Amino acid sequence: MPDSAAKPGINRFFKIGIPLLISALAIWLVLRQLDFQAVGNAFRQLSTGSIALIILCFSVGSMLRGLTCWIILGGKLNYPSVFWAMNLGYLLNTIIPLRLGEFGRAAFLTEREEHKVSYLEALASIVAERLLDLLVGFSFLLFCLFFLIENEILNRIAGVGILILIAVIVIIFYATKNKGSVILWLSKRFNKSEFIKEKVITRIEQLLTGFQYFTKPGRFLLAFLILAVSWSFSMLEYLILQNAILSNSEWWWPMLVNTASAFVNALPSAPAGLGVFEAGTVGSYALVGVAKEPALAISLVVHSVQIIIPAILGVIALILSGQSLGSLIDKATRIRQKEEMQS
């Protein structure tokens, strides 16, 4: 009995306590030996025009990302529904832990336009978008390491990474096009393991369902390119800030910083990636010799825009849907708990 009673507490610690500890550690690393006056001086170099440009770049990038999500869903829902759902998910991830935004976003999509997509199909499309996002970010990082940084070891690592990236894309195409055969082979191969059959293979099937609209290389390439352009607008935000704050900068630094900070931000952390995003940005800029203070100012501006704009759009989505934030959080929580019970 004590073991069963202790298990929920342990699970809660791992799901909430550890992410909060990671954020706290990241914040400590950023603030340690920080010259706050230098941070203030960096902020004072920003103009209203540069902030407006950053907001514009983020907005365009967000609309392009919404277009990618719409392509993944095969156009079953109209673009506004997909766009509002995406920002609603960001809003939930900003204010509550456990990545409930994905579950709330899937529920929102399922209820739109008379259930034109199932919940599992909506969730699979979100997972597919995350994986495609990872492929795009990895591509930018490899390009940066292979062509822009003169380091033999990093160049070799990037070369291997490029081969791995190509292999992953080929495997995705093959598995998606032959979904039935792949799932059947996996089921026979691991027929003695209930865990793999019920948990792992089920997740793989959901992922392949999300990629079903990418069986044609042209469609995959279109979504990949649109998402890459969306990433480029994010990099443009950093470039604008570099030109305003730093006395010397290189055009390719945003490619490294934006990609590296995005990957670091994927670590378990407090809602909105508090502290982790800043640590990733500051650490990335440190690799190219930028001091902590101006790097922190840049990261705070970018992160603030990433939080505020989707939050505003998410609230608008709530108003348009006629739902309350509390009811959507409850719904997302119930769905996540159901998923955990099945896993």
Foldseek 3Di string as FASTA:
>chain_A
DVVVVCVVVVVCCVFPVVQAVVLVVLQCVLPVPDDVVLLVVLLVLDDPVLLVLLLVLLVVLLLLLLVLLCLLLVVLDPSVQSSLLVLLLLLCLQPATPSLSLLLSLVSSCPPPPRSDHSLLSSLLVVLSVVLLVLLLLVLQLCCQQPPDPDPVSNVVSVVSVVVSVVVVVVLLVCLVPVVVVLVVQCVVPVVDPCCNQPVSVSVSSNSSSCNSPNDVVSSVVSSVSNNVSLVSLLVSLVSSCVRRPPDDDSSLSSQLSSQLVVQLPPRHGRLSNSSSLSSQLVSVVVVPDHSSSSSSSSVSSSVSSNPVSNVSNVVSCVVVVHDPVVSSVSSVVVVVVVVVSD
